[in-house]
């Protein structure tokens, strides 16, 4: 199969496309990523693939328009692909069929990627405004529509004012979006009032949204490790506490072998204080059952 020159040409055509796709997939599945750039990465992938086969004179939006009517049948399909075609000197009919196959693949692939974009794409594009570089500009679009979309209609005036004023303060943590908004959230003026409370809350609510199902899949994998067939009678509150502790240890980049429990927790081990009143009385109280876990998490 690999000795077939036509198949080799098709693989040469696919290689750069797969490399671009893999780069975007790694971003969506990663832990330490900037969520303000994810949507841009996906839309740039769609636009990049579309412009491979579009006519130079085409005036169509690859994200919303029908690009099948503006396809260039002699489009440039990559450096290695084009050079190899010249060396192989394929028959015009064979090369034409190969190019048609490559073009059809891009059209189908772009269609599949577009189907995964949210319907309110134009509104969600405004999430990129919360990147450090964008929000520190003096001339920038309003985020009122974004704040209203996420349920902050009653505080639009405060959010808009803080959004306009945030660029006039000198911030220390501007290397990443996460550390920047953490500093903004904790900043207090001379009177001890959080000056950007509403704006930082909007930003954190939006940036904390799950950008893919990778985190959910990891959580289910951890759940299967914790609640196994042998431990199938664990109470949901206990499972939740274990998962919270595991998450806290992961955030601290440590493990249970090297982590030292706080004295407030170790002092309860072997005593009746380790058990809540709800267990004694047979009642169900999620807060009391998680009391020890809360003590541990307060140090994470």
Protein backbone atom coordinates (compact mmCIF):
# COMPACT_ATOMS: atom_id res chain seq x y z
CA UNK A 1 0.00 0.00 0.00
CA UNK A 2 2.76 2.45 0.95
CA UNK A 3 4.52 1.83 -2.35
CA UNK A 4 1.58 3.38 -4.18
CA UNK A 5 2.67 6.92 -5.18
CA UNK A 6 -0.90 8.23 -5.01
CA UNK A 7 -1.32 7.08 -1.41
CA UNK A 8 2.06 8.58 -0.56
CA UNK A 9 0.94 11.90 -2.00
CA UNK A 10 -2.25 11.78 0.05
CA UNK A 11 -0.26 11.13 3.23
CA UNK A 12 2.04 14.05 2.43
CA UNK A 13 -1.06 16.20 2.08
CA UNK A 14 -2.48 14.96 5.40
CA UNK A 15 0.65 15.41 7.51
CA UNK A 16 0.57 19.22 8.01
CA UNK A 17 -3.19 19.12 8.59
CA UNK A 18 -2.83 16.48 11.29
CA UNK A 19 -0.01 18.44 12.91
CA UNK A 20 -2.18 21.55 13.13
CA UNK A 21 -5.09 19.53 14.49
CA UNK A 22 -2.95 17.81 17.09
CA UNK A 23 -1.65 21.16 18.34
CA UNK A 24 -5.20 22.44 18.89
CA UNK A 25 -6.33 19.19 20.53
CA UNK A 26 -3.43 19.33 23.00
CA UNK A 27 -4.50 22.84 23.96
CA UNK A 28 -8.08 21.74 24.66
CA UNK A 29 -6.95 18.71 26.67
CA UNK A 30 -4.22 20.45 28.63
CA UNK A 31 -4.35 21.58 32.25
CA UNK A 32 -2.17 24.69 32.24
CA UNK A 33 -3.60 26.57 29.28
CA UNK A 34 -4.94 30.06 28.67
CA UNK A 35 -8.72 29.69 28.15
CA UNK A 36 -8.92 33.08 26.44
CA UNK A 37 -7.00 31.68 23.46
CA UNK A 38 -8.77 28.35 22.96
CA UNK A 39 -11.59 29.65 20.81
CA UNK A 40 -9.10 31.62 18.72
CA UNK A 41 -7.02 28.48 18.16
CA UNK A 42 -10.07 26.56 16.94
CA UNK A 43 -11.32 29.31 14.63
CA UNK A 44 -7.82 29.86 13.26
CA UNK A 45 -7.60 26.16 12.44
CA UNK A 46 -10.87 26.35 10.50
CA UNK A 47 -9.81 29.49 8.65
CA UNK A 48 -6.37 28.05 7.87
CA UNK A 49 -7.83 24.87 6.39
CA UNK A 50 -10.46 26.76 4.42
CA UNK A 51 -7.98 29.15 2.83
CA UNK A 52 -5.96 26.20 1.56
CA UNK A 53 -8.62 25.53 -1.06
CA UNK A 54 -10.43 28.87 -1.42
CA UNK A 55 -10.01 31.08 -4.45
CA UNK A 56 -7.88 34.17 -3.71
CA UNK A 57 -10.78 36.38 -4.79
CA UNK A 58 -13.34 34.61 -2.58
CA UNK A 59 -15.24 36.88 -0.20
CA UNK A 60 -16.76 34.36 2.17
CA UNK A 61 -16.49 33.85 5.91
CA UNK A 62 -15.11 30.32 6.51
CA UNK A 63 -16.83 30.19 9.90
CA UNK A 64 -20.35 30.87 8.66
CA UNK A 65 -20.48 30.90 4.85
CA UNK A 66 -20.69 28.17 2.22
CA UNK A 67 -17.12 27.72 1.01
CA UNK A 68 -17.91 24.86 -1.38
CA UNK A 69 -18.90 27.37 -4.08
CA UNK A 70 -15.51 29.12 -3.98
CA UNK A 71 -13.11 26.17 -4.20
CA UNK A 72 -9.93 26.47 -6.23
CA UNK A 73 -9.45 23.11 -7.97
CA UNK A 74 -5.75 23.84 -8.50
CA UNK A 75 -5.12 25.06 -4.97
CA UNK A 76 -1.69 24.91 -3.35
CA UNK A 77 -1.85 21.88 -1.04
CA UNK A 78 1.48 22.10 0.74
CA UNK A 79 5.19 22.31 -0.05
CA UNK A 80 6.00 18.59 0.11
CA UNK A 81 2.83 17.64 -1.74
CA UNK A 82 3.45 20.03 -4.62
CA UNK A 83 7.16 19.18 -4.96
CA UNK A 84 6.45 15.46 -4.89
CA UNK A 85 3.81 15.88 -7.59
CA UNK A 86 6.39 17.52 -9.82
CA UNK A 87 8.91 14.72 -9.23
CA UNK A 88 6.42 11.91 -9.78
CA UNK A 89 4.97 13.45 -12.94
CA UNK A 90 1.58 11.84 -12.43
CA UNK A 91 -0.90 11.59 -15.24
CA UNK A 92 -3.15 14.69 -15.39
CA UNK A 93 -6.23 12.59 -14.73
CA UNK A 94 -4.64 10.84 -11.73
CA UNK A 95 -3.37 14.10 -10.27
CA UNK A 96 -6.75 15.72 -10.83
CA UNK A 97 -8.54 12.92 -8.98
CA UNK A 98 -6.01 13.16 -6.15
CA UNK A 99 -6.50 16.90 -5.79
CA UNK A 100 -10.26 16.44 -5.86
CA UNK A 101 -9.98 13.89 -3.07
CA UNK A 102 -7.84 16.23 -0.98
CA UNK A 103 -10.23 19.11 -1.56
CA UNK A 104 -13.23 16.98 -0.58
CA UNK A 105 -11.48 15.98 2.63
CA UNK A 106 -10.87 19.60 3.63
CA UNK A 107 -14.48 20.54 2.87
CA UNK A 108 -15.76 17.67 5.00
CA UNK A 109 -13.28 18.34 7.79
CA UNK A 110 -14.13 22.04 7.94
CA UNK A 111 -17.82 21.17 8.03
CA UNK A 112 -17.25 18.82 11.00
CA UNK A 113 -15.22 21.44 12.87
CA UNK A 114 -17.84 24.11 12.25
CA UNK A 115 -20.56 21.84 13.62
CA UNK A 116 -18.69 21.80 16.94
CA UNK A 117 -18.63 25.57 17.25
CA UNK A 118 -21.22 27.12 19.61
CA UNK A 119 -24.18 28.92 18.10
CA UNK A 120 -23.37 32.15 19.93
CA UNK A 121 -19.85 32.21 18.48
CA UNK A 122 -19.71 35.98 18.05
CA UNK A 123 -20.59 36.57 21.70
CA UNK A 124 -18.18 33.96 23.03
CA UNK A 125 -15.40 35.48 20.97
CA UNK A 126 -15.57 38.33 23.44
CA UNK A 127 -14.09 35.98 26.06
CA UNK A 128 -10.75 36.82 24.52
CA UNK A 129 -11.15 40.31 25.95
CA UNK A 130 -10.25 38.88 29.36
CA UNK A 131 -6.71 38.11 28.28
CA UNK A 132 -4.10 40.28 29.95
CA UNK A 133 -3.05 42.05 26.77
CA UNK A 134 -6.62 42.95 25.82
CA UNK A 135 -7.95 44.17 29.14
CA UNK A 136 -4.96 46.46 29.75
CA UNK A 137 -5.56 48.40 26.56
CA UNK A 138 -6.97 51.88 26.92
CA UNK A 139 -9.01 51.59 23.72
CA UNK A 140 -11.07 48.40 23.82
CA UNK A 141 -14.63 47.22 23.16
CA UNK A 142 -17.20 47.05 25.90
CA UNK A 143 -17.88 43.79 27.73
CA UNK A 144 -21.43 44.74 28.73
CA UNK A 145 -22.95 42.16 26.36
CA UNK A 146 -20.74 39.41 27.75
CA UNK A 147 -21.57 40.32 31.36
CA UNK A 148 -25.29 40.41 30.58
CA UNK A 149 -25.08 37.02 28.87
CA UNK A 150 -23.70 35.47 32.06
CA UNK A 151 -26.33 36.97 34.37
CA UNK A 152 -24.79 40.24 35.57
CA UNK A 153 -27.53 42.53 34.25
CA UNK A 154 -27.97 44.19 37.65
CA UNK A 155 -24.29 45.16 37.86
CA UNK A 156 -23.55 46.25 34.31
CA UNK A 157 -22.70 49.82 35.30
CA UNK A 158 -20.13 48.70 37.91
CA UNK A 159 -18.64 46.13 35.55
CA UNK A 160 -18.33 48.63 32.71
CA UNK A 161 -16.72 51.28 34.94
CA UNK A 162 -14.20 48.84 36.37
CA UNK A 163 -13.46 47.53 32.88
CA UNK A 164 -12.63 51.05 31.71
CA UNK A 165 -10.44 51.79 34.74
CA UNK A 166 -8.46 48.56 35.04
CA UNK A 167 -5.83 49.70 32.54
CA UNK A 168 -4.84 52.69 34.71
CA UNK A 169 -3.50 50.54 37.55
CA UNK A 170 -0.03 49.03 37.46
CA UNK A 171 -0.32 45.27 37.94
CA UNK A 172 2.51 42.96 38.96
CA UNK A 173 1.28 39.56 37.71
CA UNK A 174 0.79 39.95 33.98
CA UNK A 175 2.54 36.79 32.81
CA UNK A 176 -0.61 34.64 32.76
CA UNK A 177 -4.35 35.20 32.73
CA UNK A 178 -4.94 33.16 35.89
CA UNK A 179 -2.45 34.97 38.13
CA UNK A 180 -3.48 38.33 36.72
CA UNK A 181 -7.17 37.97 37.57
CA UNK A 182 -6.29 36.54 40.96
CA UNK A 183 -4.39 39.74 41.70
CA UNK A 184 -7.25 41.87 40.36
CA UNK A 185 -9.74 40.01 42.54
CA UNK A 186 -7.69 40.52 45.72
CA UNK A 187 -6.78 44.15 45.07
CA UNK A 188 -8.10 46.63 47.65
CA UNK A 189 -8.00 50.41 47.67
CA UNK A 190 -6.93 52.64 50.57
CA UNK A 191 -10.26 52.06 52.32
CA UNK A 192 -9.89 48.29 52.12
CA UNK A 193 -12.60 47.92 49.48
CA UNK A 194 -12.14 45.52 46.59
CA UNK A 195 -12.04 48.00 43.75
CA UNK A 196 -12.59 45.49 40.93
CA UNK A 197 -14.82 42.97 42.70
CA UNK A 198 -17.62 42.80 40.12
CA UNK A 199 -15.32 42.76 37.11
CA UNK A 200 -13.05 40.06 38.53
CA UNK A 201 -16.09 37.94 39.42
CA UNK A 202 -17.35 38.14 35.83
CA UNK A 203 -13.91 37.21 34.50
CA UNK A 204 -13.46 34.27 36.86
CA UNK A 205 -16.95 32.93 36.20
CA UNK A 206 -16.33 32.96 32.47
CA UNK A 207 -12.74 31.72 32.50
CA UNK A 208 -13.57 28.87 34.87
CA UNK A 209 -16.07 27.34 32.45
CA UNK A 210 -14.94 23.90 31.22
CA UNK A 211 -13.43 24.30 27.76
CA UNK A 212 -13.66 20.60 26.89
CA UNK A 213 -14.78 17.27 28.32
CA UNK A 214 -11.20 16.27 29.17
CA UNK A 215 -11.52 17.38 32.81
CA UNK A 216 -14.80 15.50 33.20
CA UNK A 217 -13.29 12.34 31.77
CA UNK A 218 -10.33 12.62 34.16
CA UNK A 219 -12.75 13.02 37.06
CA UNK A 220 -14.65 9.87 36.10
CA UNK A 221 -11.35 7.99 35.83
CA UNK A 222 -10.40 9.09 39.34
CA UNK A 223 -13.87 8.16 40.57
CA UNK A 224 -13.45 4.63 39.23
CA UNK A 225 -10.16 4.33 41.11
CA UNK A 226 -11.67 5.56 44.37
CA UNK A 227 -15.01 3.75 44.29
CA UNK A 228 -13.95 0.31 43.12
CA UNK A 229 -15.84 -2.98 43.36
CA UNK A 230 -14.25 -3.63 46.74
CA UNK A 231 -15.21 -0.17 48.04
CA UNK A 232 -18.61 0.00 46.40
CA UNK A 233 -20.40 1.01 49.62
CA UNK A 234 -18.58 4.31 50.06
CA UNK A 235 -20.98 7.14 50.83
CA UNK A 236 -21.19 9.84 48.11
CA UNK A 237 -20.04 12.47 50.63
CA UNK A 238 -16.97 10.38 51.43
CA UNK A 239 -16.18 9.96 47.75
CA UNK A 240 -16.60 13.69 47.23
CA UNK A 241 -14.23 14.45 50.11
CA UNK A 242 -11.59 12.05 48.77
CA UNK A 243 -11.77 13.60 45.30
CA UNK A 244 -11.53 17.10 46.78
CA UNK A 245 -8.43 16.16 48.75
CA UNK A 246 -6.85 14.57 45.67
CA UNK A 247 -7.58 17.73 43.69
CA UNK A 248 -6.07 19.91 46.41
CA UNK A 249 -2.91 17.82 46.52
CA UNK A 250 -2.65 18.05 42.76
CA UNK A 251 -2.93 21.84 42.86
CA UNK A 252 -0.09 21.93 45.39
CA UNK A 253 1.93 19.60 43.15
CA UNK A 254 2.48 17.17 46.00
CA UNK A 255 1.24 13.72 46.98
CA UNK A 256 -0.16 12.00 50.05
CA UNK A 257 3.19 10.37 50.86
CA UNK A 258 4.95 13.67 51.51
CA UNK A 259 1.99 15.75 52.70
CA UNK A 260 1.75 16.33 56.45
CA UNK A 261 -1.72 16.57 57.92
CA UNK A 262 -2.39 19.68 60.02
CA UNK A 263 -2.42 19.26 63.78
CA UNK A 264 -6.14 20.09 63.95
CA UNK A 265 -6.82 16.90 61.97
CA UNK A 266 -4.30 14.54 63.56
CA UNK A 267 -5.49 15.48 67.05
CA UNK A 268 -8.92 14.02 66.24
CA UNK A 269 -7.62 10.65 65.07
CA UNK A 270 -8.64 7.90 67.49
CA UNK A 271 -11.10 10.12 69.33
CA UNK A 272 -14.84 10.57 69.13
CA UNK A 273 -14.25 14.03 67.66
CA UNK A 274 -13.39 12.29 64.41
CA UNK A 275 -17.07 11.43 64.02
CA UNK A 276 -19.79 14.01 63.59
CA UNK A 277 -23.01 14.11 65.56
CA UNK A 278 -24.91 13.14 62.45
CA UNK A 279 -23.33 9.69 62.50
CA UNK A 280 -24.26 9.21 66.15
CA UNK A 281 -27.85 10.22 65.56
CA UNK A 282 -28.16 8.46 62.21
CA UNK A 283 -28.98 11.66 60.34
CA UNK A 284 -27.52 12.81 57.04
CA UNK A 285 -25.58 16.05 57.04
CA UNK A 286 -23.22 16.71 54.17
CA UNK A 287 -21.51 19.58 55.97
CA UNK A 288 -20.77 17.56 59.09
CA UNK A 289 -19.58 14.54 57.15
CA UNK A 290 -17.09 16.70 55.30
CA UNK A 291 -15.81 18.44 58.43
CA UNK A 292 -12.49 16.63 58.49
CA UNK A 293 -12.05 17.03 54.75
CA UNK A 294 -12.66 20.76 55.10
CA UNK A 295 -9.95 20.96 57.75
CA UNK A 296 -7.51 19.30 55.38
CA UNK A 297 -8.57 21.36 52.37
CA UNK A 298 -8.09 24.59 54.28
CA UNK A 299 -4.37 23.91 54.10
CA UNK A 300 -4.37 22.98 50.40
